[in-house]
Amino acid sequence: MPMIASLLCGLVFGAGLLISGMVQPTKVIGFLDIFGAWDPSLAVVMIAALAVSVPGFMLAKGRSWPLLAARNFWPTRDDIDRPLVVGSTLFGIGWGLVGLCPGPALESLATLSPDVLVFVAAMAAGMVLRDLWQRSRPATPREQALTSADG
């Protein structure tokens, strides 16, 4: 059942990306171009997403156990550290330059567009390189404590 629920959630997410136009890089870049031909429709998409997801999260947070899993997987960290800031900055720069982020990029693979193929290959390479870098350095005592606390 959890696999079916995951599939259905992914299909709803993908449909939302298609319906909202998030898979169109020009729409995203138009939203970020506040001094040019600004397209505010993406703000409406974000507000609608919050209107749907916030009540769902509030309901889920109020439950002592999840419906389709053995335990809850809520984030345990609430600090803002250097890797978070660097990663967020790189994500924002990439999203602003290209108009794609991971979800829409993976959905856009169906078009077989050379631009999308290059983007997804670069994204995958970045993920692999970051993982290799993380594994190559010794964990700090704080990282060890967080890892053991997460199970």
Protein backbone atom coordinates (compact mmCIF):
# COMPACT_ATOMS: atom_id res chain seq x y z
CA MET A 1 0.00 0.00 0.00
CA PRO A 2 2.77 2.56 0.74
CA MET A 3 4.11 2.12 -2.81
CA ILE A 4 0.68 2.78 -4.30
CA ALA A 5 0.26 5.86 -2.11
CA SER A 6 3.70 7.10 -3.19
CA LEU A 7 2.80 6.54 -6.85
CA LEU A 8 -0.48 8.41 -6.47
CA CYS A 9 1.24 11.32 -4.68
CA GLY A 10 3.84 11.47 -7.44
CA LEU A 11 1.16 11.48 -10.12
CA VAL A 12 -0.73 14.30 -8.40
CA PHE A 13 2.52 16.26 -8.00
CA GLY A 14 3.41 15.72 -11.67
CA ALA A 15 -0.08 16.71 -12.80
CA GLY A 16 0.18 19.87 -10.71
CA LEU A 17 3.49 20.75 -12.34
CA LEU A 18 1.99 20.27 -15.80
CA ILE A 19 -1.23 22.16 -15.10
CA SER A 20 0.59 25.07 -13.45
CA GLY A 21 3.14 25.42 -16.22
CA MET A 22 6.09 24.80 -13.88
CA VAL A 23 7.65 22.54 -16.53
CA GLN A 24 7.96 25.57 -18.84
CA PRO A 25 11.27 27.30 -18.07
CA THR A 26 10.02 30.52 -19.69
CA LYS A 27 7.19 30.72 -17.15
CA VAL A 28 9.61 30.36 -14.22
CA ILE A 29 12.08 32.86 -15.66
CA GLY A 30 9.16 35.24 -16.34
CA PHE A 31 8.19 35.02 -12.67
CA LEU A 32 11.74 35.80 -11.56
CA ASP A 33 12.07 38.75 -13.97
CA ILE A 34 10.45 41.32 -11.67
CA PHE A 35 11.90 44.30 -13.57
CA GLY A 36 10.95 43.03 -17.03
CA ALA A 37 7.91 41.17 -18.33
CA TRP A 38 6.97 39.84 -14.90
CA ASP A 39 4.54 36.91 -14.86
CA PRO A 40 2.93 36.69 -11.38
CA SER A 41 1.01 33.48 -12.12
CA LEU A 42 3.67 31.36 -10.42
CA ALA A 43 2.93 33.17 -7.15
CA VAL A 44 -0.68 32.00 -7.47
CA VAL A 45 0.59 28.44 -7.95
CA MET A 46 2.75 28.72 -4.82
CA ILE A 47 -0.10 30.15 -2.74
CA ALA A 48 -2.44 27.38 -3.94
CA ALA A 49 0.19 24.76 -3.08
CA LEU A 50 0.48 26.18 0.43
CA ALA A 51 -3.30 26.31 0.80
CA VAL A 52 -3.46 22.58 0.04
CA SER A 53 -0.33 21.37 1.84
CA VAL A 54 -0.41 23.33 5.12
CA PRO A 55 -3.70 21.79 6.34
CA GLY A 56 -2.39 18.36 5.34
CA PHE A 57 0.81 18.87 7.31
CA MET A 58 -1.16 20.15 10.30
CA LEU A 59 -3.34 17.04 10.24
CA ALA A 60 -0.32 14.76 9.89
CA LYS A 61 1.57 16.51 12.69
CA GLY A 62 -1.41 15.97 14.99
CA ARG A 63 -1.30 12.21 14.51
CA SER A 64 0.95 10.03 16.66
CA TRP A 65 1.54 7.60 13.78
CA PRO A 66 1.40 7.85 9.98
CA LEU A 67 -1.30 6.15 7.95
CA LEU A 68 0.94 4.18 5.58
CA ALA A 69 4.34 3.81 7.25
CA ALA A 70 5.84 2.26 10.36
CA ARG A 71 6.96 5.61 11.78
CA ASN A 72 6.99 9.32 11.03
CA PHE A 73 9.90 10.80 9.12
CA TRP A 74 9.74 14.43 10.23
CA PRO A 75 12.93 16.49 9.94
CA THR A 76 14.94 16.53 13.15
CA ARG A 77 17.23 19.48 12.42
CA ASP A 78 16.23 23.10 12.71
CA ASP A 79 19.59 24.83 12.36
CA ILE A 80 20.85 26.81 9.38
CA ASP A 81 24.37 25.70 8.53
CA ARG A 82 26.83 26.37 5.74
CA PRO A 83 25.89 23.37 3.53
CA LEU A 84 22.23 24.42 3.68
CA VAL A 85 23.03 28.00 2.67
CA VAL A 86 25.42 26.94 -0.12
CA GLY A 87 23.00 24.32 -1.44
CA SER A 88 20.05 26.71 -1.34
CA THR A 89 22.08 29.37 -3.13
CA LEU A 90 23.17 26.96 -5.88
CA PHE A 91 19.59 25.72 -6.24
CA GLY A 92 18.28 29.28 -6.58
CA ILE A 93 20.96 30.30 -9.07
CA GLY A 94 20.30 27.22 -11.20
CA TRP A 95 16.53 27.71 -11.05
CA GLY A 96 16.88 31.37 -12.00
CA LEU A 97 19.31 30.79 -14.87
CA VAL A 98 17.65 27.77 -16.45
CA GLY A 99 14.06 27.92 -15.20
CA LEU A 100 14.08 24.29 -14.07
CA CYS A 101 14.35 22.60 -10.71
CA PRO A 102 14.54 18.82 -10.07
CA GLY A 103 10.82 17.92 -10.22
CA PRO A 104 9.97 19.74 -13.44
CA ALA A 105 13.30 18.68 -14.97
CA LEU A 106 12.55 14.99 -14.40
CA GLU A 107 9.04 15.43 -15.75
CA SER A 108 10.43 17.27 -18.80
CA LEU A 109 12.66 14.29 -19.63
CA ALA A 110 9.67 12.93 -21.55
CA THR A 111 10.25 15.66 -24.16
CA LEU A 112 13.81 14.40 -24.84
CA SER A 113 14.84 18.03 -25.23
CA PRO A 114 18.65 18.31 -25.43
CA ASP A 115 18.56 21.21 -22.94
CA VAL A 116 16.64 19.11 -20.42
CA LEU A 117 18.89 16.09 -20.96
CA VAL A 118 21.98 18.22 -20.29
CA PHE A 119 20.34 19.78 -17.22
CA VAL A 120 19.36 16.40 -15.72
CA ALA A 121 22.81 14.92 -16.47
CA ALA A 122 24.48 17.91 -14.78
CA MET A 123 22.06 17.66 -11.85
CA ALA A 124 22.81 13.94 -11.42
CA ALA A 125 26.55 14.58 -11.68
CA GLY A 126 26.27 17.27 -9.01
CA MET A 127 24.41 14.88 -6.71
CA VAL A 128 27.02 12.15 -7.20
CA LEU A 129 29.93 14.56 -6.68
CA ARG A 130 28.36 15.96 -3.51
CA ASP A 131 27.83 12.43 -2.18
CA LEU A 132 31.43 11.45 -2.99
CA TRP A 133 32.71 14.61 -1.31
CA GLN A 134 30.56 13.98 1.78
CA ARG A 135 31.84 10.40 2.06
CA SER A 136 35.48 11.41 1.59
CA ARG A 137 35.66 13.70 4.60
CA PRO A 138 35.43 12.65 8.23
CA ALA A 139 32.13 13.38 9.93
CA THR A 140 32.13 16.02 12.62
CA PRO A 141 30.96 14.99 16.11
CA ARG A 142 27.74 16.91 15.50
CA GLU A 143 27.08 15.07 12.21
CA GLN A 144 27.74 11.74 13.93
CA ALA A 145 25.26 12.60 16.68
CA LEU A 146 22.62 13.68 14.16
CA THR A 147 23.12 10.56 12.05
CA SER A 148 22.81 8.22 15.02
CA ALA A 149 19.73 10.12 16.26
CA ASP A 150 18.01 9.74 12.86
CA GLY A 151 18.41 5.99 13.00
